[in-house]
Amino acid sequence: MKKITSMIGIIIFLFLITSCNHKDVEDISADTTQQVEETKNQHIESQEIIETDSLSWLEITEDGVNEELYLENLDAEVLEAVATKLRALVEEEVEAERENPEIVITEGWTRVFDSEQYNEVLNMGESAMKPLYWIIYKSPNAGMYEYICATALYELSGYDFTNEDGSLTWVNSKEFLDRFNEKILSDRKR
């Protein structure tokens, strides 16, 4: 049973790693940072964790995401910080697994959620939420990098996207984005 569980873990991890194209991640982050800087030159005023209810998500509409408005409300410096930290995290984890493939079995790939970089992003609080969303939204992939971004946004949002058995209602970043958008829109209707 342990061998089967280990093999399933390895297969899932390999799927996540192979679906994450670092070049695409770098291109999205660089292009978006440039767009944001051109649209709005804003500075980080606070790194405090603030309740999600105070964050406006007017950019998410029934017709999709209003990208122009989103860019106006996106902090380029925070986007760059989030992308850099999480990209470095993915690269470090991939390298660690190349050097020691057994780490996937002994520690599991979910160890990334205990990393310093991941916790630094969480400690950014509300200011990291829109950058995390943007990274997921603009990425053509649904790999490890995007999954980490989705998990961070999920934790910061405080939303409950779980089934009765405690399992998540989403299995990748694109499904998470669908649930997140649905929640934003349903909350707005109230």
N, C-alpha and C. Protein backbone atom coordinates (compact mmCIF):
# COMPACT_ATOMS: atom_id res chain seq x y z
N MET A 1 0.83 -1.19 0.00
CA MET A 1 0.00 0.00 0.00
C MET A 1 0.87 1.26 0.00
N LYS A 2 1.96 1.24 0.79
CA LYS A 2 2.84 2.41 0.83
C LYS A 2 3.50 2.63 -0.52
N LYS A 3 3.86 1.53 -1.21
CA LYS A 3 4.49 1.67 -2.53
C LYS A 3 3.51 2.28 -3.52
N ILE A 4 2.27 1.87 -3.46
CA ILE A 4 1.26 2.41 -4.37
C ILE A 4 1.06 3.89 -4.09
N THR A 5 0.94 4.25 -2.83
CA THR A 5 0.77 5.65 -2.45
C THR A 5 1.97 6.47 -2.89
N SER A 6 3.16 5.93 -2.70
CA SER A 6 4.38 6.62 -3.11
C SER A 6 4.42 6.81 -4.62
N MET A 7 4.05 5.79 -5.35
CA MET A 7 4.06 5.88 -6.81
C MET A 7 3.05 6.90 -7.29
N ILE A 8 1.87 6.93 -6.68
CA ILE A 8 0.86 7.91 -7.06
C ILE A 8 1.39 9.32 -6.78
N GLY A 9 2.04 9.50 -5.63
CA GLY A 9 2.63 10.80 -5.29
C GLY A 9 3.66 11.22 -6.31
N ILE A 10 4.51 10.30 -6.72
CA ILE A 10 5.55 10.61 -7.70
C ILE A 10 4.92 10.98 -9.04
N ILE A 11 3.92 10.23 -9.45
CA ILE A 11 3.25 10.51 -10.73
C ILE A 11 2.61 11.89 -10.70
N ILE A 12 1.91 12.21 -9.62
CA ILE A 12 1.28 13.53 -9.49
C ILE A 12 2.33 14.61 -9.52
N PHE A 13 3.42 14.40 -8.79
CA PHE A 13 4.47 15.41 -8.75
C PHE A 13 5.08 15.62 -10.13
N LEU A 14 5.37 14.52 -10.83
CA LEU A 14 5.96 14.64 -12.16
C LEU A 14 5.02 15.36 -13.11
N PHE A 15 3.72 15.09 -12.99
CA PHE A 15 2.74 15.79 -13.80
C PHE A 15 2.79 17.28 -13.52
N LEU A 16 2.83 17.66 -12.26
CA LEU A 16 2.88 19.07 -11.90
C LEU A 16 4.15 19.73 -12.41
N ILE A 17 5.28 19.06 -12.25
CA ILE A 17 6.55 19.63 -12.69
C ILE A 17 6.58 19.77 -14.21
N THR A 18 6.14 18.76 -14.93
CA THR A 18 6.22 18.83 -16.39
C THR A 18 5.26 19.84 -16.96
N SER A 19 4.19 20.17 -16.27
CA SER A 19 3.25 21.15 -16.80
C SER A 19 3.67 22.57 -16.47
N CYS A 20 4.72 22.74 -15.69
CA CYS A 20 5.22 24.08 -15.34
C CYS A 20 6.40 24.43 -16.23
N ASN A 21 6.18 25.34 -17.16
CA ASN A 21 7.23 25.78 -18.07
C ASN A 21 7.80 27.07 -17.52
N HIS A 22 9.02 27.03 -17.02
CA HIS A 22 9.62 28.20 -16.37
C HIS A 22 9.74 29.38 -17.31
N LYS A 23 9.95 29.15 -18.60
CA LYS A 23 10.05 30.24 -19.56
C LYS A 23 8.73 30.99 -19.63
N ASP A 24 7.60 30.25 -19.69
CA ASP A 24 6.29 30.89 -19.71
C ASP A 24 6.07 31.72 -18.45
N VAL A 25 6.45 31.19 -17.31
CA VAL A 25 6.29 31.89 -16.04
C VAL A 25 7.08 33.18 -16.06
N GLU A 26 8.32 33.13 -16.52
CA GLU A 26 9.15 34.33 -16.57
C GLU A 26 8.57 35.34 -17.55
N ASP A 27 8.09 34.88 -18.71
CA ASP A 27 7.52 35.79 -19.70
C ASP A 27 6.28 36.48 -19.16
N ILE A 28 5.40 35.74 -18.52
CA ILE A 28 4.18 36.32 -17.97
C ILE A 28 4.53 37.35 -16.92
N SER A 29 5.42 37.00 -16.02
CA SER A 29 5.79 37.93 -14.95
C SER A 29 6.43 39.19 -15.51
N ALA A 30 7.35 39.04 -16.46
CA ALA A 30 8.04 40.20 -17.03
C ALA A 30 7.08 41.08 -17.81
N ASP A 31 6.25 40.47 -18.67
CA ASP A 31 5.30 41.24 -19.47
C ASP A 31 4.30 41.96 -18.57
N THR A 32 3.78 41.27 -17.60
CA THR A 32 2.79 41.85 -16.72
C THR A 32 3.39 42.98 -15.89
N THR A 33 4.60 42.78 -15.39
CA THR A 33 5.25 43.83 -14.60
C THR A 33 5.41 45.08 -15.44
N GLN A 34 5.81 44.93 -16.67
CA GLN A 34 5.98 46.08 -17.54
C GLN A 34 4.63 46.76 -17.78
N GLN A 35 3.58 45.99 -18.04
CA GLN A 35 2.25 46.56 -18.27
C GLN A 35 1.77 47.31 -17.04
N VAL A 36 1.97 46.71 -15.88
CA VAL A 36 1.50 47.33 -14.65
C VAL A 36 2.23 48.64 -14.40
N GLU A 37 3.53 48.63 -14.61
CA GLU A 37 4.31 49.85 -14.37
C GLU A 37 3.87 50.95 -15.32
N GLU A 38 3.51 50.61 -16.54
CA GLU A 38 3.03 51.61 -17.48
C GLU A 38 1.64 52.10 -17.10
N THR A 39 0.81 51.21 -16.57
CA THR A 39 -0.54 51.57 -16.21
C THR A 39 -0.61 52.36 -14.91
N LYS A 40 0.17 51.94 -13.93
CA LYS A 40 0.09 52.57 -12.62
C LYS A 40 1.40 52.43 -11.88
N ASN A 41 1.93 53.52 -11.38
CA ASN A 41 3.19 53.48 -10.63
C ASN A 41 2.84 53.66 -9.17
N GLN A 42 2.66 52.54 -8.52
CA GLN A 42 2.20 52.56 -7.15
C GLN A 42 3.22 51.89 -6.25
N HIS A 43 3.27 52.27 -4.98
CA HIS A 43 4.21 51.68 -4.03
C HIS A 43 3.47 50.89 -2.96
N ILE A 44 4.19 49.98 -2.36
CA ILE A 44 3.62 49.19 -1.28
C ILE A 44 3.48 50.09 -0.06
N GLU A 45 2.24 50.29 0.40
CA GLU A 45 2.03 51.14 1.56
C GLU A 45 1.99 50.33 2.84
N SER A 46 1.50 49.10 2.71
CA SER A 46 1.37 48.31 3.91
C SER A 46 1.55 46.84 3.60
N GLN A 47 2.21 46.13 4.51
CA GLN A 47 2.38 44.70 4.36
C GLN A 47 1.51 43.96 5.38
N GLU A 48 0.56 44.67 5.95
CA GLU A 48 -0.28 44.07 6.98
C GLU A 48 -1.28 43.11 6.38
N ILE A 49 -1.64 42.12 7.14
CA ILE A 49 -2.69 41.22 6.72
C ILE A 49 -4.02 41.89 7.08
N ILE A 50 -4.85 42.09 6.04
CA ILE A 50 -6.12 42.77 6.22
C ILE A 50 -7.21 41.79 5.81
N GLU A 51 -8.37 41.92 6.38
CA GLU A 51 -9.44 41.00 6.05
C GLU A 51 -9.79 41.09 4.57
N THR A 52 -10.06 39.95 3.95
CA THR A 52 -10.36 39.86 2.53
C THR A 52 -11.56 40.71 2.15
N ASP A 53 -12.53 40.84 3.02
CA ASP A 53 -13.73 41.60 2.71
C ASP A 53 -13.42 43.04 2.33
N SER A 54 -12.30 43.58 2.76
CA SER A 54 -11.98 44.97 2.46
C SER A 54 -11.38 45.13 1.06
N LEU A 55 -11.01 44.04 0.40
CA LEU A 55 -10.42 44.10 -0.92
C LEU A 55 -11.52 44.08 -1.98
N SER A 56 -11.44 45.02 -2.89
CA SER A 56 -12.43 45.09 -3.96
C SER A 56 -12.00 44.21 -5.13
N TRP A 57 -12.92 43.47 -5.67
CA TRP A 57 -12.66 42.62 -6.83
C TRP A 57 -13.59 43.04 -7.97
N LEU A 58 -13.75 44.35 -8.19
CA LEU A 58 -14.63 44.85 -9.23
C LEU A 58 -14.17 44.46 -10.63
N GLU A 59 -12.90 44.06 -10.76
CA GLU A 59 -12.36 43.66 -12.05
C GLU A 59 -12.94 42.33 -12.54
N ILE A 60 -13.47 41.55 -11.61
CA ILE A 60 -14.07 40.26 -11.96
C ILE A 60 -15.55 40.49 -12.21
N THR A 61 -15.97 40.23 -13.45
CA THR A 61 -17.36 40.48 -13.83
C THR A 61 -17.99 39.20 -14.37
N GLU A 62 -19.29 39.25 -14.60
CA GLU A 62 -20.00 38.13 -15.21
C GLU A 62 -19.42 37.81 -16.60
N ASP A 63 -18.86 38.82 -17.25
CA ASP A 63 -18.30 38.65 -18.60
C ASP A 63 -16.83 38.28 -18.59
N GLY A 64 -16.25 38.10 -17.41
CA GLY A 64 -14.83 37.76 -17.32
C GLY A 64 -14.08 38.81 -16.52
N VAL A 65 -12.79 38.94 -16.81
CA VAL A 65 -11.94 39.87 -16.08
C VAL A 65 -11.71 41.12 -16.93
N ASN A 66 -11.96 42.27 -16.34
CA ASN A 66 -11.68 43.55 -16.99
C ASN A 66 -10.19 43.81 -16.77
N GLU A 67 -9.38 43.44 -17.77
CA GLU A 67 -7.93 43.49 -17.62
C GLU A 67 -7.41 44.91 -17.46
N GLU A 68 -8.00 45.86 -18.14
CA GLU A 68 -7.55 47.25 -18.02
C GLU A 68 -7.73 47.74 -16.59
N LEU A 69 -8.89 47.51 -16.03
CA LEU A 69 -9.15 47.90 -14.64
C LEU A 69 -8.24 47.12 -13.69
N TYR A 70 -8.03 45.85 -13.99
CA TYR A 70 -7.18 45.02 -13.14
C TYR A 70 -5.78 45.60 -13.07
N LEU A 71 -5.25 45.97 -14.24
CA LEU A 71 -3.89 46.53 -14.27
C LEU A 71 -3.80 47.85 -13.52
N GLU A 72 -4.86 48.63 -13.54
CA GLU A 72 -4.88 49.88 -12.78
C GLU A 72 -4.80 49.63 -11.28
N ASN A 73 -5.34 48.50 -10.85
CA ASN A 73 -5.41 48.18 -9.42
C ASN A 73 -4.34 47.19 -8.96
N LEU A 74 -3.39 46.90 -9.82
CA LEU A 74 -2.35 45.92 -9.52
C LEU A 74 -1.04 46.63 -9.21
N ASP A 75 -0.43 46.27 -8.11
CA ASP A 75 0.83 46.88 -7.70
C ASP A 75 1.99 46.10 -8.34
N ALA A 76 2.73 46.76 -9.23
CA ALA A 76 3.81 46.11 -9.97
C ALA A 76 4.91 45.60 -9.06
N GLU A 77 5.22 46.35 -8.03
CA GLU A 77 6.30 45.93 -7.12
C GLU A 77 5.90 44.68 -6.34
N VAL A 78 4.67 44.61 -5.91
CA VAL A 78 4.22 43.43 -5.18
C VAL A 78 4.14 42.24 -6.13
N LEU A 79 3.66 42.47 -7.34
CA LEU A 79 3.61 41.40 -8.34
C LEU A 79 5.01 40.83 -8.57
N GLU A 80 5.98 41.69 -8.75
CA GLU A 80 7.35 41.24 -8.99
C GLU A 80 7.88 40.47 -7.78
N ALA A 81 7.60 40.97 -6.57
CA ALA A 81 8.08 40.29 -5.36
C ALA A 81 7.45 38.90 -5.22
N VAL A 82 6.15 38.81 -5.44
CA VAL A 82 5.45 37.52 -5.34
C VAL A 82 5.99 36.55 -6.39
N ALA A 83 6.06 37.00 -7.63
CA ALA A 83 6.51 36.13 -8.72
C ALA A 83 7.94 35.67 -8.49
N THR A 84 8.80 36.56 -8.04
CA THR A 84 10.20 36.21 -7.82
C THR A 84 10.35 35.19 -6.71
N LYS A 85 9.65 35.40 -5.60
CA LYS A 85 9.73 34.47 -4.47
C LYS A 85 9.22 33.08 -4.85
N LEU A 86 8.08 33.03 -5.50
CA LEU A 86 7.50 31.72 -5.80
C LEU A 86 8.21 31.03 -6.97
N ARG A 87 8.74 31.80 -7.91
CA ARG A 87 9.53 31.20 -8.99
C ARG A 87 10.80 30.58 -8.41
N ALA A 88 11.44 31.31 -7.49
CA ALA A 88 12.66 30.79 -6.84
C ALA A 88 12.33 29.53 -6.05
N LEU A 89 11.19 29.52 -5.39
CA LEU A 89 10.76 28.35 -4.63
C LEU A 89 10.63 27.13 -5.54
N VAL A 90 9.96 27.29 -6.66
CA VAL A 90 9.77 26.18 -7.59
C VAL A 90 11.12 25.69 -8.11
N GLU A 91 11.98 26.62 -8.49
CA GLU A 91 13.30 26.23 -9.01
C GLU A 91 14.11 25.48 -7.95
N GLU A 92 14.07 25.96 -6.71
CA GLU A 92 14.80 25.27 -5.63
C GLU A 92 14.26 23.87 -5.39
N GLU A 93 12.95 23.74 -5.41
CA GLU A 93 12.34 22.43 -5.16
C GLU A 93 12.63 21.46 -6.29
N VAL A 94 12.58 21.93 -7.52
CA VAL A 94 12.89 21.06 -8.67
C VAL A 94 14.34 20.59 -8.57
N GLU A 95 15.25 21.50 -8.24
CA GLU A 95 16.66 21.15 -8.10
C GLU A 95 16.86 20.16 -6.94
N ALA A 96 16.18 20.40 -5.82
CA ALA A 96 16.30 19.50 -4.67
C ALA A 96 15.84 18.09 -5.04
N GLU A 97 14.79 18.01 -5.84
CA GLU A 97 14.27 16.70 -6.24
C GLU A 97 15.16 16.02 -7.27
N ARG A 98 15.83 16.81 -8.08
CA ARG A 98 16.80 16.21 -9.02
C ARG A 98 17.97 15.61 -8.25
N GLU A 99 18.43 16.34 -7.24
CA GLU A 99 19.56 15.88 -6.44
C GLU A 99 19.18 14.70 -5.54
N ASN A 100 17.95 14.69 -5.07
CA ASN A 100 17.51 13.64 -4.15
C ASN A 100 16.06 13.26 -4.48
N PRO A 101 15.85 12.38 -5.47
CA PRO A 101 14.50 12.01 -5.88
C PRO A 101 13.65 11.41 -4.75
N GLU A 102 14.28 10.84 -3.75
CA GLU A 102 13.54 10.24 -2.65
C GLU A 102 12.83 11.27 -1.78
N ILE A 103 13.22 12.53 -1.91
CA ILE A 103 12.59 13.58 -1.11
C ILE A 103 11.09 13.65 -1.37
N VAL A 104 10.68 13.31 -2.60
CA VAL A 104 9.26 13.32 -2.93
C VAL A 104 8.53 12.27 -2.10
N ILE A 105 9.17 11.13 -1.90
CA ILE A 105 8.56 10.05 -1.12
C ILE A 105 8.64 10.34 0.37
N THR A 106 9.80 10.80 0.82
CA THR A 106 9.99 10.99 2.27
C THR A 106 9.31 12.24 2.81
N GLU A 107 9.32 13.33 2.02
CA GLU A 107 8.74 14.57 2.51
C GLU A 107 7.50 15.01 1.72
N GLY A 108 7.34 14.50 0.52
CA GLY A 108 6.21 14.89 -0.32
C GLY A 108 6.43 16.26 -0.95
N TRP A 109 5.75 16.51 -2.05
CA TRP A 109 5.93 17.78 -2.72
C TRP A 109 5.25 18.91 -1.96
N THR A 110 4.32 18.59 -1.07
CA THR A 110 3.62 19.63 -0.31
C THR A 110 4.53 20.35 0.69
N ARG A 111 5.77 19.90 0.80
CA ARG A 111 6.72 20.58 1.68
C ARG A 111 6.92 22.03 1.26
N VAL A 112 6.61 22.35 0.01
CA VAL A 112 6.79 23.72 -0.47
C VAL A 112 5.97 24.70 0.36
N PHE A 113 4.87 24.22 0.94
CA PHE A 113 4.00 25.12 1.71
C PHE A 113 4.57 25.45 3.09
N ASP A 114 5.67 24.81 3.45
CA ASP A 114 6.38 25.13 4.69
C ASP A 114 7.62 25.97 4.43
N SER A 115 7.84 26.36 3.19
CA SER A 115 9.06 27.07 2.82
C SER A 115 9.03 28.54 3.25
N GLU A 116 10.21 29.11 3.33
CA GLU A 116 10.35 30.52 3.71
C GLU A 116 9.69 31.42 2.67
N GLN A 117 9.92 31.14 1.39
CA GLN A 117 9.37 31.99 0.32
C GLN A 117 7.84 31.98 0.35
N TYR A 118 7.26 30.81 0.50
CA TYR A 118 5.80 30.71 0.53
C TYR A 118 5.25 31.50 1.71
N ASN A 119 5.87 31.35 2.86
CA ASN A 119 5.39 32.08 4.04
C ASN A 119 5.61 33.58 3.92
N GLU A 120 6.66 34.00 3.22
CA GLU A 120 6.87 35.43 2.98
C GLU A 120 5.73 36.00 2.12
N VAL A 121 5.29 35.23 1.13
CA VAL A 121 4.16 35.67 0.31
C VAL A 121 2.90 35.74 1.16
N LEU A 122 2.65 34.74 1.98
CA LEU A 122 1.48 34.78 2.86
C LEU A 122 1.54 35.98 3.80
N ASN A 123 2.73 36.29 4.29
CA ASN A 123 2.88 37.42 5.21
C ASN A 123 2.64 38.77 4.54
N MET A 124 2.65 38.81 3.22
CA MET A 124 2.31 40.04 2.51
C MET A 124 0.82 40.35 2.66
N GLY A 125 0.07 39.33 3.01
CA GLY A 125 -1.36 39.51 3.25
C GLY A 125 -2.12 39.90 2.01
N GLU A 126 -3.09 40.77 2.23
CA GLU A 126 -4.00 41.19 1.17
C GLU A 126 -3.27 41.74 -0.05
N SER A 127 -2.15 42.40 0.17
CA SER A 127 -1.43 43.01 -0.96
C SER A 127 -0.93 41.96 -1.96
N ALA A 128 -0.82 40.71 -1.56
CA ALA A 128 -0.36 39.65 -2.46
C ALA A 128 -1.51 39.01 -3.24
N MET A 129 -2.74 39.28 -2.85
CA MET A 129 -3.87 38.57 -3.45
C MET A 129 -4.06 38.87 -4.94
N LYS A 130 -4.09 40.13 -5.30
CA LYS A 130 -4.30 40.46 -6.72
C LYS A 130 -3.12 40.00 -7.58
N PRO A 131 -1.88 40.15 -7.13
CA PRO A 131 -0.78 39.58 -7.93
C PRO A 131 -0.89 38.06 -8.11
N LEU A 132 -1.25 37.36 -7.05
CA LEU A 132 -1.41 35.90 -7.16
C LEU A 132 -2.50 35.56 -8.18
N TYR A 133 -3.62 36.25 -8.09
CA TYR A 133 -4.71 36.02 -9.04
C TYR A 133 -4.22 36.27 -10.46
N TRP A 134 -3.53 37.39 -10.67
CA TRP A 134 -3.07 37.77 -12.00
C TRP A 134 -2.12 36.73 -12.58
N ILE A 135 -1.22 36.22 -11.76
CA ILE A 135 -0.28 35.20 -12.23
C ILE A 135 -1.05 33.97 -12.73
N ILE A 136 -2.01 33.52 -11.96
CA ILE A 136 -2.80 32.35 -12.35
C ILE A 136 -3.61 32.66 -13.60
N TYR A 137 -4.26 33.80 -13.59
CA TYR A 137 -5.13 34.20 -14.70
C TYR A 137 -4.37 34.29 -16.02
N LYS A 138 -3.18 34.87 -16.01
CA LYS A 138 -2.43 35.09 -17.24
C LYS A 138 -1.61 33.88 -17.69
N SER A 139 -1.41 32.93 -16.82
CA SER A 139 -0.59 31.77 -17.19
C SER A 139 -1.36 30.80 -18.08
N PRO A 140 -0.73 30.34 -19.16
CA PRO A 140 -1.36 29.32 -19.99
C PRO A 140 -1.24 27.93 -19.36
N ASN A 141 -0.49 27.84 -18.27
CA ASN A 141 -0.23 26.55 -17.61
C ASN A 141 -1.07 26.40 -16.35
N ALA A 142 -1.09 25.18 -15.87
CA ALA A 142 -1.71 24.87 -14.58
C ALA A 142 -0.78 23.90 -13.87
N GLY A 143 0.49 24.31 -13.75
CA GLY A 143 1.51 23.46 -13.16
C GLY A 143 1.77 23.77 -11.70
N MET A 144 2.95 23.36 -11.25
CA MET A 144 3.32 23.51 -9.84
C MET A 144 3.34 24.98 -9.41
N TYR A 145 3.93 25.84 -10.22
CA TYR A 145 4.01 27.28 -9.90
C TYR A 145 2.61 27.86 -9.71
N GLU A 146 1.73 27.58 -10.66
CA GLU A 146 0.37 28.11 -10.59
C GLU A 146 -0.40 27.50 -9.42
N TYR A 147 -0.16 26.22 -9.14
CA TYR A 147 -0.84 25.57 -8.02
C TYR A 147 -0.41 26.21 -6.70
N ILE A 148 0.86 26.53 -6.57
CA ILE A 148 1.35 27.20 -5.36
C ILE A 148 0.71 28.57 -5.24
N CYS A 149 0.61 29.29 -6.35
CA CYS A 149 -0.06 30.60 -6.33
C CYS A 149 -1.52 30.45 -5.92
N ALA A 150 -2.20 29.46 -6.47
CA ALA A 150 -3.61 29.23 -6.13
C ALA A 150 -3.78 28.88 -4.66
N THR A 151 -2.89 28.07 -4.13
CA THR A 151 -2.98 27.69 -2.71
C THR A 151 -2.74 28.90 -1.82
N ALA A 152 -1.80 29.74 -2.18
CA ALA A 152 -1.54 30.96 -1.40
C ALA A 152 -2.76 31.88 -1.44
N LEU A 153 -3.34 32.08 -2.62
CA LEU A 153 -4.53 32.92 -2.73
C LEU A 153 -5.69 32.31 -1.95
N TYR A 154 -5.82 31.01 -2.01
CA TYR A 154 -6.86 30.31 -1.26
C TYR A 154 -6.71 30.57 0.24
N GLU A 155 -5.48 30.43 0.74
CA GLU A 155 -5.24 30.66 2.16
C GLU A 155 -5.49 32.11 2.55
N LEU A 156 -5.06 33.03 1.72
CA LEU A 156 -5.24 34.45 2.03
C LEU A 156 -6.71 34.87 1.95
N SER A 157 -7.45 34.27 1.06
CA SER A 157 -8.85 34.66 0.87
C SER A 157 -9.74 34.26 2.05
N GLY A 158 -9.39 33.16 2.68
CA GLY A 158 -10.24 32.67 3.77
C GLY A 158 -11.49 31.95 3.28
N TYR A 159 -11.63 31.79 1.96
CA TYR A 159 -12.80 31.11 1.42
C TYR A 159 -12.70 29.61 1.69
N ASP A 160 -13.85 28.97 1.72
CA ASP A 160 -13.90 27.53 1.96
C ASP A 160 -14.35 26.84 0.68
N PHE A 161 -13.41 26.28 -0.05
CA PHE A 161 -13.70 25.53 -1.26
C PHE A 161 -13.43 24.05 -1.00
N THR A 162 -14.13 23.50 0.00
CA THR A 162 -13.95 22.09 0.33
C THR A 162 -15.28 21.35 0.20
N ASN A 163 -15.16 20.05 -0.06
CA ASN A 163 -16.32 19.17 -0.07
C ASN A 163 -16.64 18.76 1.37
N GLU A 164 -17.72 18.06 1.55
CA GLU A 164 -18.10 17.60 2.88
C GLU A 164 -17.04 16.72 3.53
N ASP A 165 -16.30 15.98 2.70
CA ASP A 165 -15.26 15.09 3.24
C ASP A 165 -13.94 15.82 3.52
N GLY A 166 -13.92 17.14 3.29
CA GLY A 166 -12.72 17.92 3.55
C GLY A 166 -11.80 18.08 2.37
N SER A 167 -12.06 17.36 1.27
CA SER A 167 -11.22 17.49 0.08
C SER A 167 -11.55 18.81 -0.62
N LEU A 168 -10.58 19.31 -1.35
CA LEU A 168 -10.78 20.56 -2.08
C LEU A 168 -11.72 20.36 -3.26
N THR A 169 -12.43 21.40 -3.63
CA THR A 169 -13.33 21.34 -4.79
C THR A 169 -12.58 21.67 -6.08
N TRP A 170 -11.29 21.87 -5.97
CA TRP A 170 -10.47 22.18 -7.14
C TRP A 170 -9.21 21.34 -7.10
N VAL A 171 -8.71 20.96 -8.29
CA VAL A 171 -7.51 20.14 -8.35
C VAL A 171 -6.35 20.84 -9.05
N ASN A 172 -6.63 21.97 -9.70
CA ASN A 172 -5.56 22.73 -10.33
C ASN A 172 -5.89 24.22 -10.25
N SER A 173 -4.96 25.04 -10.68
CA SER A 173 -5.12 26.49 -10.54
C SER A 173 -6.27 27.05 -11.36
N LYS A 174 -6.54 26.47 -12.51
CA LYS A 174 -7.64 26.97 -13.34
C LYS A 174 -8.99 26.67 -12.70
N GLU A 175 -9.13 25.48 -12.11
CA GLU A 175 -10.36 25.16 -11.39
C GLU A 175 -10.51 26.06 -10.16
N PHE A 176 -9.39 26.34 -9.48
CA PHE A 176 -9.43 27.25 -8.34
C PHE A 176 -9.95 28.61 -8.78
N LEU A 177 -9.43 29.12 -9.90
CA LEU A 177 -9.84 30.44 -10.39
C LEU A 177 -11.34 30.46 -10.67
N ASP A 178 -11.86 29.37 -11.23
CA ASP A 178 -13.30 29.29 -11.47
C ASP A 178 -14.08 29.40 -10.15
N ARG A 179 -13.66 28.65 -9.13
CA ARG A 179 -14.34 28.70 -7.82
C ARG A 179 -14.23 30.10 -7.20
N PHE A 180 -13.04 30.67 -7.31
CA PHE A 180 -12.80 32.00 -6.75
C PHE A 180 -13.71 33.03 -7.42
N ASN A 181 -13.76 33.01 -8.74
CA ASN A 181 -14.62 33.95 -9.48
C ASN A 181 -16.08 33.77 -9.11
N GLU A 182 -16.52 32.52 -9.02
CA GLU A 182 -17.90 32.23 -8.63
C GLU A 182 -18.21 32.82 -7.26
N LYS A 183 -17.28 32.67 -6.33
CA LYS A 183 -17.48 33.18 -4.97
C LYS A 183 -17.54 34.71 -4.96
N ILE A 184 -16.64 35.36 -5.68
CA ILE A 184 -16.64 36.82 -5.76
C ILE A 184 -17.96 37.31 -6.32
N LEU A 185 -18.42 36.72 -7.41
CA LEU A 185 -19.66 37.14 -8.06
C LEU A 185 -20.88 36.85 -7.18
N SER A 186 -20.90 35.70 -6.51
CA SER A 186 -22.05 35.39 -5.65
C SER A 186 -22.08 36.30 -4.42
N ASP A 187 -20.91 36.64 -3.87
CA ASP A 187 -20.87 37.56 -2.74
C ASP A 187 -21.34 38.96 -3.14
N ARG A 188 -21.03 39.36 -4.35
CA ARG A 188 -21.41 40.68 -4.83
C ARG A 188 -22.93 40.79 -4.98
N LYS A 189 -23.58 39.68 -5.33
CA LYS A 189 -25.04 39.68 -5.54
C LYS A 189 -25.82 39.83 -4.24
N ARG A 190 -25.18 39.52 -3.13
CA ARG A 190 -25.88 39.57 -1.83
C ARG A 190 -26.18 40.95 -1.40
